[in-house]
Amino acid sequence: MFKIYWSDAANQAHSFDTASLTEALATVEAKRKEGFAFVTMASVDANSVGKPGVSSVQGGKLPDGSTYDWSKADRAGKTRKHDRVLAVKETRK
């Protein structure tokens, strides 16, 4: 089930329900093109278990055994060995 919400020009909230992801995405796109504000979509993933994100890290490992090495300090513009550089800006002197 997908729910689409939007506000009209009078700031009145509206909603639409559908079971189809394709229909939900098309409705969101149409509402945005029509100029409605605050268009958003929500759904419940029936295959999801637990809270989103990492639920447990023990000894630097995730429950599936992969290494968990993310830290906010590392992501402040610093590149890591597995990051790809997509473009390099050349400067002329």
N, C-alpha and C. Protein backbone atom coordinates (compact mmCIF):
# COMPACT_ATOMS: atom_id res chain seq x y z
N MET A 1 0.84 -1.17 0.00
CA MET A 1 0.00 0.00 0.00
C MET A 1 0.89 1.23 0.00
N PHE A 2 0.55 2.18 -0.85
CA PHE A 2 1.27 3.45 -0.96
C PHE A 2 0.28 4.58 -0.72
N LYS A 3 0.70 5.59 0.01
CA LYS A 3 -0.13 6.76 0.26
C LYS A 3 0.59 7.97 -0.30
N ILE A 4 -0.14 8.78 -1.05
CA ILE A 4 0.40 10.01 -1.63
C ILE A 4 -0.33 11.16 -0.95
N TYR A 5 0.45 12.14 -0.49
CA TYR A 5 -0.12 13.31 0.18
C TYR A 5 0.33 14.56 -0.56
N TRP A 6 -0.54 15.59 -0.60
CA TRP A 6 -0.18 16.87 -1.19
C TRP A 6 -1.07 17.97 -0.62
N SER A 7 -0.64 19.21 -0.78
CA SER A 7 -1.42 20.38 -0.35
C SER A 7 -1.80 21.19 -1.58
N ASP A 8 -3.03 21.73 -1.57
CA ASP A 8 -3.47 22.55 -2.70
C ASP A 8 -3.17 24.03 -2.42
N ALA A 9 -3.62 24.91 -3.32
CA ALA A 9 -3.34 26.35 -3.21
C ALA A 9 -3.96 26.96 -1.96
N ALA A 10 -5.04 26.37 -1.44
CA ALA A 10 -5.69 26.85 -0.22
C ALA A 10 -5.08 26.21 1.03
N ASN A 11 -3.97 25.50 0.83
CA ASN A 11 -3.25 24.82 1.91
C ASN A 11 -4.08 23.69 2.55
N GLN A 12 -4.98 23.11 1.78
CA GLN A 12 -5.77 21.97 2.24
C GLN A 12 -5.03 20.68 1.88
N ALA A 13 -4.97 19.76 2.83
CA ALA A 13 -4.27 18.49 2.60
C ALA A 13 -5.18 17.50 1.90
N HIS A 14 -4.59 16.73 0.99
CA HIS A 14 -5.30 15.69 0.25
C HIS A 14 -4.46 14.42 0.25
N SER A 15 -5.10 13.29 0.02
CA SER A 15 -4.36 12.04 -0.05
C SER A 15 -4.98 11.10 -1.08
N PHE A 16 -4.19 10.11 -1.48
CA PHE A 16 -4.60 9.12 -2.46
C PHE A 16 -3.92 7.81 -2.07
N ASP A 17 -4.64 6.70 -2.08
CA ASP A 17 -4.07 5.39 -1.76
C ASP A 17 -4.05 4.51 -3.00
N THR A 18 -3.00 3.72 -3.12
CA THR A 18 -2.91 2.75 -4.21
C THR A 18 -2.03 1.58 -3.77
N ALA A 19 -2.25 0.44 -4.36
CA ALA A 19 -1.43 -0.73 -4.07
C ALA A 19 -0.28 -0.85 -5.06
N SER A 20 -0.32 -0.05 -6.13
CA SER A 20 0.67 -0.15 -7.20
C SER A 20 1.75 0.92 -7.07
N LEU A 21 3.01 0.49 -7.03
CA LEU A 21 4.13 1.43 -6.98
C LEU A 21 4.15 2.30 -8.23
N THR A 22 3.90 1.70 -9.39
CA THR A 22 3.90 2.44 -10.65
C THR A 22 2.85 3.55 -10.63
N GLU A 23 1.65 3.24 -10.15
CA GLU A 23 0.59 4.25 -10.07
C GLU A 23 0.94 5.33 -9.04
N ALA A 24 1.54 4.93 -7.93
CA ALA A 24 1.93 5.89 -6.90
C ALA A 24 2.96 6.88 -7.44
N LEU A 25 3.98 6.39 -8.12
CA LEU A 25 5.02 7.26 -8.68
C LEU A 25 4.44 8.18 -9.76
N ALA A 26 3.56 7.65 -10.58
CA ALA A 26 2.92 8.47 -11.62
C ALA A 26 2.06 9.57 -11.01
N THR A 27 1.36 9.25 -9.93
CA THR A 27 0.52 10.24 -9.25
C THR A 27 1.38 11.34 -8.64
N VAL A 28 2.47 10.98 -7.98
CA VAL A 28 3.39 11.97 -7.40
C VAL A 28 3.92 12.89 -8.49
N GLU A 29 4.37 12.31 -9.59
CA GLU A 29 4.90 13.11 -10.70
C GLU A 29 3.83 14.06 -11.25
N ALA A 30 2.63 13.56 -11.44
CA ALA A 30 1.54 14.38 -11.97
C ALA A 30 1.20 15.53 -11.03
N LYS A 31 1.12 15.26 -9.73
CA LYS A 31 0.79 16.31 -8.75
C LYS A 31 1.86 17.39 -8.73
N ARG A 32 3.12 16.99 -8.82
CA ARG A 32 4.21 17.98 -8.85
C ARG A 32 4.15 18.83 -10.12
N LYS A 33 3.87 18.20 -11.25
CA LYS A 33 3.77 18.94 -12.52
C LYS A 33 2.58 19.90 -12.51
N GLU A 34 1.51 19.54 -11.78
CA GLU A 34 0.34 20.39 -11.67
C GLU A 34 0.58 21.57 -10.74
N GLY A 35 1.70 21.57 -10.03
CA GLY A 35 2.06 22.69 -9.17
C GLY A 35 1.64 22.56 -7.72
N PHE A 36 1.20 21.38 -7.30
CA PHE A 36 0.83 21.20 -5.91
C PHE A 36 2.07 21.22 -5.03
N ALA A 37 1.88 21.64 -3.77
CA ALA A 37 3.01 21.74 -2.83
C ALA A 37 3.03 20.54 -1.89
N PHE A 38 4.18 20.29 -1.32
CA PHE A 38 4.37 19.25 -0.32
C PHE A 38 3.90 17.88 -0.80
N VAL A 39 4.21 17.53 -2.03
CA VAL A 39 3.84 16.23 -2.57
C VAL A 39 4.82 15.19 -2.03
N THR A 40 4.29 14.16 -1.40
CA THR A 40 5.16 13.13 -0.86
C THR A 40 4.44 11.78 -0.92
N MET A 41 5.22 10.72 -0.78
CA MET A 41 4.68 9.38 -0.86
C MET A 41 5.23 8.58 0.32
N ALA A 42 4.42 7.74 0.90
CA ALA A 42 4.84 6.89 2.01
C ALA A 42 4.36 5.47 1.77
N SER A 43 5.11 4.51 2.30
CA SER A 43 4.69 3.12 2.17
C SER A 43 5.23 2.32 3.34
N VAL A 44 4.66 1.16 3.54
CA VAL A 44 5.15 0.23 4.53
C VAL A 44 5.74 -0.95 3.77
N ASP A 45 7.00 -1.23 4.02
CA ASP A 45 7.66 -2.34 3.35
C ASP A 45 7.39 -3.62 4.13
N ALA A 46 6.59 -4.47 3.56
CA ALA A 46 6.22 -5.72 4.24
C ALA A 46 7.41 -6.64 4.46
N ASN A 47 8.49 -6.45 3.69
CA ASN A 47 9.67 -7.29 3.83
C ASN A 47 10.68 -6.74 4.83
N SER A 48 10.41 -5.57 5.39
CA SER A 48 11.33 -4.95 6.33
C SER A 48 11.12 -5.50 7.73
N VAL A 49 12.23 -5.78 8.40
CA VAL A 49 12.15 -6.23 9.78
C VAL A 49 13.02 -5.31 10.63
N GLY A 50 12.51 -4.84 11.71
CA GLY A 50 13.28 -3.97 12.59
C GLY A 50 13.33 -2.55 12.08
N LYS A 51 14.10 -1.73 12.77
CA LYS A 51 14.22 -0.33 12.41
C LYS A 51 15.15 -0.17 11.21
N PRO A 52 14.95 0.88 10.38
CA PRO A 52 15.86 1.11 9.26
C PRO A 52 17.26 1.44 9.76
N GLY A 53 18.25 1.09 8.98
CA GLY A 53 19.63 1.39 9.35
C GLY A 53 20.30 0.20 10.01
N VAL A 54 21.45 0.45 10.56
CA VAL A 54 22.23 -0.60 11.20
C VAL A 54 21.67 -0.87 12.58
N SER A 55 21.29 -2.10 12.82
CA SER A 55 20.68 -2.43 14.11
C SER A 55 21.70 -2.93 15.13
N SER A 56 22.81 -3.46 14.67
CA SER A 56 23.84 -3.88 15.62
C SER A 56 25.19 -3.98 14.94
N VAL A 57 26.19 -3.45 15.62
CA VAL A 57 27.58 -3.55 15.18
C VAL A 57 28.35 -4.12 16.36
N GLN A 58 28.97 -5.26 16.14
CA GLN A 58 29.75 -5.88 17.21
C GLN A 58 31.13 -6.17 16.67
N GLY A 59 32.12 -5.58 17.32
CA GLY A 59 33.51 -5.79 16.90
C GLY A 59 33.77 -5.27 15.49
N GLY A 60 33.08 -4.21 15.08
CA GLY A 60 33.28 -3.63 13.76
C GLY A 60 32.64 -4.42 12.63
N LYS A 61 31.76 -5.35 12.97
CA LYS A 61 31.10 -6.19 11.96
C LYS A 61 29.59 -6.04 12.04
N LEU A 62 28.93 -6.09 10.88
CA LEU A 62 27.48 -6.10 10.80
C LEU A 62 26.98 -7.53 11.01
N PRO A 63 25.68 -7.71 11.25
CA PRO A 63 25.15 -9.06 11.46
C PRO A 63 25.46 -10.03 10.32
N ASP A 64 25.61 -9.51 9.08
CA ASP A 64 25.93 -10.40 7.96
C ASP A 64 27.42 -10.70 7.83
N GLY A 65 28.25 -10.13 8.74
CA GLY A 65 29.68 -10.40 8.72
C GLY A 65 30.51 -9.37 7.98
N SER A 66 29.87 -8.44 7.25
CA SER A 66 30.64 -7.43 6.53
C SER A 66 31.16 -6.37 7.50
N THR A 67 32.24 -5.71 7.10
CA THR A 67 32.88 -4.70 7.94
C THR A 67 32.07 -3.41 7.96
N TYR A 68 31.91 -2.85 9.14
CA TYR A 68 31.22 -1.57 9.30
C TYR A 68 32.27 -0.54 9.69
N ASP A 69 32.62 0.34 8.72
CA ASP A 69 33.67 1.32 9.01
C ASP A 69 33.24 2.77 8.76
N TRP A 70 31.93 3.02 8.69
CA TRP A 70 31.44 4.36 8.43
C TRP A 70 31.58 5.21 9.68
N SER A 71 32.01 6.44 9.50
CA SER A 71 31.99 7.41 10.60
C SER A 71 31.75 8.79 10.00
N LYS A 72 31.03 9.60 10.73
CA LYS A 72 30.71 10.94 10.25
C LYS A 72 31.99 11.75 10.03
N ALA A 73 32.97 11.58 10.89
CA ALA A 73 34.22 12.32 10.78
C ALA A 73 34.93 12.01 9.46
N ASP A 74 34.86 10.76 9.03
CA ASP A 74 35.51 10.38 7.76
C ASP A 74 34.80 10.95 6.54
N ARG A 75 33.55 11.31 6.65
CA ARG A 75 32.77 11.72 5.47
C ARG A 75 32.76 13.23 5.26
N ALA A 76 33.49 13.99 6.02
CA ALA A 76 33.48 15.45 5.90
C ALA A 76 34.38 15.91 4.75
N GLY A 77 34.15 15.37 3.57
CA GLY A 77 34.89 15.80 2.39
C GLY A 77 36.13 14.99 2.11
N LYS A 78 36.53 14.16 3.02
CA LYS A 78 37.73 13.35 2.85
C LYS A 78 37.41 12.14 1.97
N THR A 79 38.22 11.87 0.96
CA THR A 79 37.99 10.70 0.12
C THR A 79 38.67 9.48 0.73
N ARG A 80 38.10 8.34 0.46
CA ARG A 80 38.69 7.09 0.92
C ARG A 80 39.13 6.29 -0.30
N LYS A 81 39.88 5.23 -0.08
CA LYS A 81 40.46 4.49 -1.18
C LYS A 81 39.43 3.91 -2.14
N HIS A 82 38.21 3.60 -1.67
CA HIS A 82 37.21 3.02 -2.56
C HIS A 82 36.32 4.07 -3.23
N ASP A 83 36.48 5.36 -2.89
CA ASP A 83 35.72 6.43 -3.55
C ASP A 83 36.29 6.68 -4.94
N ARG A 84 35.40 6.97 -5.90
CA ARG A 84 35.84 7.27 -7.26
C ARG A 84 35.80 8.76 -7.48
N VAL A 85 36.80 9.28 -8.17
CA VAL A 85 36.80 10.67 -8.57
C VAL A 85 36.20 10.72 -9.96
N LEU A 86 35.07 11.42 -10.11
CA LEU A 86 34.37 11.45 -11.39
C LEU A 86 34.92 12.52 -12.32
N ALA A 87 35.39 13.61 -11.76
CA ALA A 87 35.94 14.68 -12.59
C ALA A 87 36.95 15.46 -11.78
N VAL A 88 37.98 15.91 -12.45
CA VAL A 88 39.00 16.74 -11.83
C VAL A 88 38.99 18.08 -12.52
N LYS A 89 38.82 19.14 -11.77
CA LYS A 89 38.78 20.48 -12.33
C LYS A 89 40.21 20.97 -12.55
N GLU A 90 40.48 21.37 -13.77
CA GLU A 90 41.80 21.89 -14.08
C GLU A 90 41.80 23.40 -13.89
N THR A 91 42.89 23.90 -13.33
CA THR A 91 43.01 25.35 -13.17
C THR A 91 44.11 25.85 -14.10
N ARG A 92 43.85 26.99 -14.71
CA ARG A 92 44.85 27.58 -15.61
C ARG A 92 45.55 28.71 -14.89
N LYS A 93 46.83 28.85 -15.15
CA LYS A 93 47.61 29.92 -14.55
C LYS A 93 47.99 30.95 -15.59
